[in-house]
N, C-alpha and C. Protein backbone atom coordinates (compact mmCIF):
# COMPACT_ATOMS: atom_id res chain seq x y z
N MET A 1 0.83 -1.19 0.00
CA MET A 1 0.00 0.00 0.00
C MET A 1 0.87 1.24 0.00
N ASP A 2 1.83 1.27 -0.81
CA ASP A 2 2.75 2.39 -0.87
C ASP A 2 2.04 3.64 -1.39
N GLY A 3 2.03 4.70 -0.58
CA GLY A 3 1.44 5.96 -0.99
C GLY A 3 -0.07 6.02 -0.89
N VAL A 4 -0.71 5.02 -0.31
CA VAL A 4 -2.17 4.99 -0.20
C VAL A 4 -2.56 5.22 1.25
N PHE A 5 -3.45 6.18 1.49
CA PHE A 5 -3.96 6.44 2.82
C PHE A 5 -5.27 5.70 3.00
N THR A 6 -5.41 5.04 4.12
CA THR A 6 -6.67 4.38 4.44
C THR A 6 -7.22 5.00 5.71
N ARG A 7 -8.52 5.00 5.84
CA ARG A 7 -9.15 5.56 7.03
C ARG A 7 -9.02 4.58 8.17
N GLY A 8 -8.47 5.02 9.28
CA GLY A 8 -8.27 4.17 10.44
C GLY A 8 -9.48 4.21 11.36
N ASP A 9 -9.41 3.44 12.41
CA ASP A 9 -10.45 3.42 13.43
C ASP A 9 -10.25 4.63 14.32
N LEU A 10 -11.21 5.55 14.34
CA LEU A 10 -11.10 6.79 15.11
C LEU A 10 -11.80 6.71 16.46
N THR A 11 -12.14 5.50 16.89
CA THR A 11 -12.80 5.30 18.17
C THR A 11 -11.79 5.49 19.30
N HIS A 12 -12.15 6.31 20.27
CA HIS A 12 -11.27 6.55 21.41
C HIS A 12 -11.67 5.64 22.57
N ILE A 13 -10.68 5.20 23.33
CA ILE A 13 -10.96 4.33 24.48
C ILE A 13 -10.78 5.09 25.79
N HIS A 14 -10.76 6.42 25.71
CA HIS A 14 -10.59 7.26 26.89
C HIS A 14 -11.60 8.40 26.84
N ALA A 15 -11.81 9.01 27.99
CA ALA A 15 -12.71 10.16 28.05
C ALA A 15 -12.05 11.38 27.43
N ALA A 16 -12.86 12.28 26.93
CA ALA A 16 -12.33 13.52 26.37
C ALA A 16 -11.73 14.37 27.48
N PRO A 17 -10.69 15.15 27.17
CA PRO A 17 -10.11 16.03 28.19
C PRO A 17 -11.10 17.12 28.58
N SER A 18 -10.92 17.69 29.77
CA SER A 18 -11.76 18.79 30.20
C SER A 18 -10.93 20.07 30.24
N TYR A 19 -11.60 21.20 30.11
CA TYR A 19 -10.94 22.49 30.06
C TYR A 19 -11.60 23.43 31.05
N ILE A 20 -10.78 24.18 31.79
CA ILE A 20 -11.29 25.17 32.74
C ILE A 20 -10.65 26.51 32.40
N ARG A 21 -11.48 27.51 32.14
CA ARG A 21 -10.97 28.84 31.78
C ARG A 21 -10.77 29.68 33.03
N GLY A 22 -9.64 30.36 33.08
CA GLY A 22 -9.37 31.28 34.19
C GLY A 22 -9.87 32.67 33.86
N ASN A 23 -9.99 33.52 34.86
CA ASN A 23 -10.45 34.89 34.65
C ASN A 23 -9.43 35.75 33.90
N ASP A 24 -8.18 35.30 33.86
CA ASP A 24 -7.12 36.07 33.22
C ASP A 24 -6.87 35.66 31.77
N GLY A 25 -7.75 34.84 31.19
CA GLY A 25 -7.58 34.41 29.80
C GLY A 25 -6.81 33.12 29.66
N SER A 26 -6.21 32.65 30.73
CA SER A 26 -5.52 31.36 30.69
C SER A 26 -6.54 30.25 30.87
N TRP A 27 -6.13 29.04 30.62
CA TRP A 27 -7.01 27.91 30.89
C TRP A 27 -6.18 26.68 31.19
N VAL A 28 -6.80 25.72 31.86
CA VAL A 28 -6.13 24.49 32.26
C VAL A 28 -6.82 23.33 31.56
N LYS A 29 -6.01 22.51 30.94
CA LYS A 29 -6.51 21.30 30.29
C LYS A 29 -6.18 20.13 31.19
N THR A 30 -7.16 19.30 31.48
CA THR A 30 -6.94 18.07 32.24
C THR A 30 -7.18 16.89 31.31
N SER A 31 -6.17 16.06 31.15
CA SER A 31 -6.29 14.92 30.25
C SER A 31 -7.09 13.80 30.90
N SER A 32 -7.38 12.78 30.12
CA SER A 32 -8.12 11.64 30.65
C SER A 32 -7.31 10.90 31.70
N ARG A 33 -6.00 11.08 31.71
CA ARG A 33 -5.13 10.45 32.71
C ARG A 33 -4.99 11.30 33.97
N GLY A 34 -5.58 12.50 33.95
CA GLY A 34 -5.53 13.36 35.12
C GLY A 34 -4.38 14.34 35.13
N THR A 35 -3.55 14.37 34.10
CA THR A 35 -2.45 15.34 34.06
C THR A 35 -3.01 16.69 33.63
N ARG A 36 -2.39 17.76 34.13
CA ARG A 36 -2.87 19.10 33.85
C ARG A 36 -1.83 19.91 33.09
N GLN A 37 -2.32 20.75 32.16
CA GLN A 37 -1.48 21.71 31.46
C GLN A 37 -2.13 23.07 31.59
N LEU A 38 -1.33 24.06 31.94
CA LEU A 38 -1.76 25.45 31.96
C LEU A 38 -1.47 26.03 30.59
N VAL A 39 -2.42 26.71 29.98
CA VAL A 39 -2.22 27.31 28.66
C VAL A 39 -2.40 28.82 28.78
N VAL A 40 -1.35 29.56 28.40
CA VAL A 40 -1.36 31.02 28.45
C VAL A 40 -1.01 31.53 27.06
N ASN A 41 -1.90 32.31 26.46
CA ASN A 41 -1.70 32.87 25.11
C ASN A 41 -1.33 31.78 24.09
N GLY A 42 -1.92 30.61 24.24
CA GLY A 42 -1.69 29.52 23.31
C GLY A 42 -0.50 28.64 23.63
N HIS A 43 0.34 29.06 24.56
CA HIS A 43 1.52 28.27 24.94
C HIS A 43 1.19 27.34 26.11
N PRO A 44 1.46 26.04 25.99
CA PRO A 44 1.20 25.11 27.09
C PRO A 44 2.36 25.08 28.09
N PHE A 45 2.01 24.98 29.37
CA PHE A 45 2.99 24.86 30.45
C PHE A 45 2.66 23.62 31.27
N ILE A 46 3.69 22.95 31.77
CA ILE A 46 3.49 21.80 32.65
C ILE A 46 4.01 22.13 34.04
N CYS A 47 3.35 21.60 35.05
CA CYS A 47 3.74 21.87 36.43
C CYS A 47 5.03 21.13 36.73
N ARG A 48 6.04 21.88 37.15
CA ARG A 48 7.34 21.28 37.45
C ARG A 48 7.63 21.19 38.93
N SER A 49 7.02 22.03 39.73
CA SER A 49 7.24 21.95 41.17
C SER A 49 6.07 22.59 41.89
N TYR A 50 5.89 22.18 43.11
CA TYR A 50 4.84 22.75 43.93
C TYR A 50 5.24 22.65 45.39
N CYS A 51 4.64 23.50 46.20
CA CYS A 51 4.88 23.47 47.63
C CYS A 51 3.63 23.99 48.35
N LEU A 52 3.67 24.01 49.63
CA LEU A 52 2.56 24.47 50.45
C LEU A 52 1.27 23.71 50.11
N ASN A 53 1.38 22.37 50.10
CA ASN A 53 0.21 21.52 49.83
C ASN A 53 -0.43 21.83 48.48
N HIS A 54 0.39 22.02 47.46
CA HIS A 54 -0.05 22.27 46.08
C HIS A 54 -0.71 23.63 45.90
N ILE A 55 -0.52 24.56 46.82
CA ILE A 55 -1.11 25.89 46.68
C ILE A 55 -0.25 26.76 45.76
N LYS A 56 1.07 26.65 45.89
CA LYS A 56 2.02 27.41 45.07
C LYS A 56 2.63 26.46 44.06
N LYS A 57 2.58 26.83 42.75
CA LYS A 57 3.10 25.96 41.71
C LYS A 57 3.98 26.75 40.74
N THR A 58 4.99 26.06 40.19
CA THR A 58 5.83 26.61 39.14
C THR A 58 5.60 25.78 37.89
N TRP A 59 5.29 26.45 36.79
CA TRP A 59 4.99 25.80 35.52
C TRP A 59 6.07 26.16 34.52
N LYS A 60 6.53 25.17 33.73
CA LYS A 60 7.56 25.34 32.72
C LYS A 60 6.96 25.14 31.34
N CYS A 61 7.48 25.84 30.35
CA CYS A 61 7.00 25.69 28.98
C CYS A 61 7.06 24.22 28.57
N ALA A 62 5.96 23.71 28.04
CA ALA A 62 5.90 22.30 27.65
C ALA A 62 6.33 22.07 26.20
N SER A 63 6.52 23.13 25.43
CA SER A 63 6.83 22.98 24.01
C SER A 63 8.30 22.74 23.72
N SER A 64 9.18 23.27 24.57
CA SER A 64 10.61 23.17 24.30
C SER A 64 11.37 23.04 25.61
N SER A 65 12.28 22.09 25.67
CA SER A 65 13.07 21.91 26.90
C SER A 65 14.07 23.04 27.10
N ASP A 66 14.42 23.77 26.04
CA ASP A 66 15.37 24.88 26.14
C ASP A 66 14.70 26.20 26.48
N CYS A 67 13.39 26.27 26.42
CA CYS A 67 12.66 27.51 26.65
C CYS A 67 12.67 27.86 28.14
N THR A 68 12.86 29.13 28.45
CA THR A 68 12.92 29.57 29.84
C THR A 68 11.62 30.22 30.31
N ALA A 69 10.58 30.19 29.50
CA ALA A 69 9.30 30.77 29.90
C ALA A 69 8.74 30.00 31.09
N LYS A 70 8.25 30.73 32.09
CA LYS A 70 7.72 30.10 33.31
C LYS A 70 6.52 30.87 33.82
N VAL A 71 5.70 30.18 34.58
CA VAL A 71 4.55 30.80 35.24
C VAL A 71 4.57 30.34 36.69
N HIS A 72 4.29 31.26 37.61
CA HIS A 72 4.13 30.92 39.02
C HIS A 72 2.67 31.19 39.37
N THR A 73 2.04 30.21 39.99
CA THR A 73 0.66 30.38 40.44
C THR A 73 0.58 30.21 41.95
N LEU A 74 -0.35 30.92 42.52
CA LEU A 74 -0.64 30.82 43.95
C LEU A 74 -2.15 30.71 44.08
N GLU A 75 -2.60 29.60 44.64
CA GLU A 75 -4.03 29.29 44.74
C GLU A 75 -4.70 29.39 43.37
N ASP A 76 -4.05 28.83 42.36
CA ASP A 76 -4.55 28.75 40.98
C ASP A 76 -4.72 30.11 40.31
N LYS A 77 -4.03 31.14 40.79
CA LYS A 77 -4.01 32.45 40.15
C LYS A 77 -2.59 32.76 39.74
N ILE A 78 -2.41 33.28 38.52
CA ILE A 78 -1.07 33.63 38.04
C ILE A 78 -0.56 34.84 38.81
N VAL A 79 0.61 34.68 39.45
CA VAL A 79 1.22 35.78 40.19
C VAL A 79 2.50 36.27 39.53
N ILE A 80 3.20 35.41 38.80
CA ILE A 80 4.39 35.78 38.04
C ILE A 80 4.29 35.12 36.67
N LEU A 81 4.51 35.91 35.62
CA LEU A 81 4.45 35.37 34.27
C LEU A 81 5.66 35.82 33.48
N ASN A 82 6.51 34.88 33.08
CA ASN A 82 7.58 35.13 32.12
C ASN A 82 7.14 34.42 30.86
N ASN A 83 6.50 35.14 29.94
CA ASN A 83 5.93 34.55 28.73
C ASN A 83 6.82 34.81 27.52
N ASP A 84 8.13 35.00 27.76
CA ASP A 84 9.10 35.21 26.68
C ASP A 84 9.64 33.86 26.24
N HIS A 85 9.09 33.34 25.15
CA HIS A 85 9.46 32.01 24.66
C HIS A 85 10.61 32.11 23.66
N SER A 86 11.46 31.10 23.64
CA SER A 86 12.62 31.07 22.74
C SER A 86 12.28 30.34 21.44
N HIS A 87 11.01 30.18 21.15
CA HIS A 87 10.55 29.44 19.98
C HIS A 87 9.20 30.00 19.56
N PRO A 88 8.80 29.78 18.31
CA PRO A 88 7.48 30.24 17.89
C PRO A 88 6.38 29.36 18.48
N LEU A 89 5.18 29.87 18.47
CA LEU A 89 4.03 29.09 18.91
C LEU A 89 3.87 27.93 17.94
N ASN A 90 4.04 26.70 18.45
CA ASN A 90 4.06 25.54 17.56
C ASN A 90 2.93 24.56 17.85
N ASN A 91 1.84 25.06 18.34
CA ASN A 91 0.69 24.20 18.56
C ASN A 91 -0.57 24.95 18.21
N SER A 92 -1.70 24.33 18.34
CA SER A 92 -2.95 24.95 17.92
C SER A 92 -3.87 25.25 19.09
N TYR A 93 -3.32 25.40 20.31
CA TYR A 93 -4.18 25.67 21.47
C TYR A 93 -4.98 26.96 21.29
N GLY A 94 -4.39 27.96 20.69
CA GLY A 94 -5.09 29.23 20.53
C GLY A 94 -6.06 29.25 19.38
N GLN A 95 -6.12 28.20 18.57
CA GLN A 95 -6.95 28.21 17.38
C GLN A 95 -8.23 27.41 17.52
N HIS A 96 -8.37 26.62 18.53
CA HIS A 96 -9.55 25.78 18.70
C HIS A 96 -10.56 26.42 19.63
N LYS A 97 -11.80 26.08 19.45
CA LYS A 97 -12.85 26.51 20.36
C LYS A 97 -13.25 25.30 21.20
N PHE A 98 -13.18 25.44 22.51
CA PHE A 98 -13.48 24.34 23.42
C PHE A 98 -14.70 24.66 24.25
N THR A 99 -15.28 23.66 24.79
CA THR A 99 -16.35 23.83 25.76
C THR A 99 -15.72 23.82 27.14
N PHE A 100 -15.91 24.89 27.88
CA PHE A 100 -15.28 25.03 29.18
C PHE A 100 -16.29 24.73 30.27
N SER A 101 -15.78 24.20 31.39
CA SER A 101 -16.67 23.94 32.53
C SER A 101 -16.56 25.06 33.53
């Protein structure tokens, strides 16, 4: 089947991810596995450290391991934002319309 595309089985065996919008324009995506990503201006961040019983969190850019962009949250509110990325926006988070809870 060289060069021929066939339609695959598009049935998912997991629940759809959920999205929660913040008052500051950011939003958090929770996957079916329970992992969370913070998305700010289309850039995804992953939680790298937390303290104070998960009240204070540090998020690192999820798109590039060399990127120094970071977000600090306190009680799920952004308190420090370094949104200077060393790479272009390489995902479609800012282009989709989601249903938020």
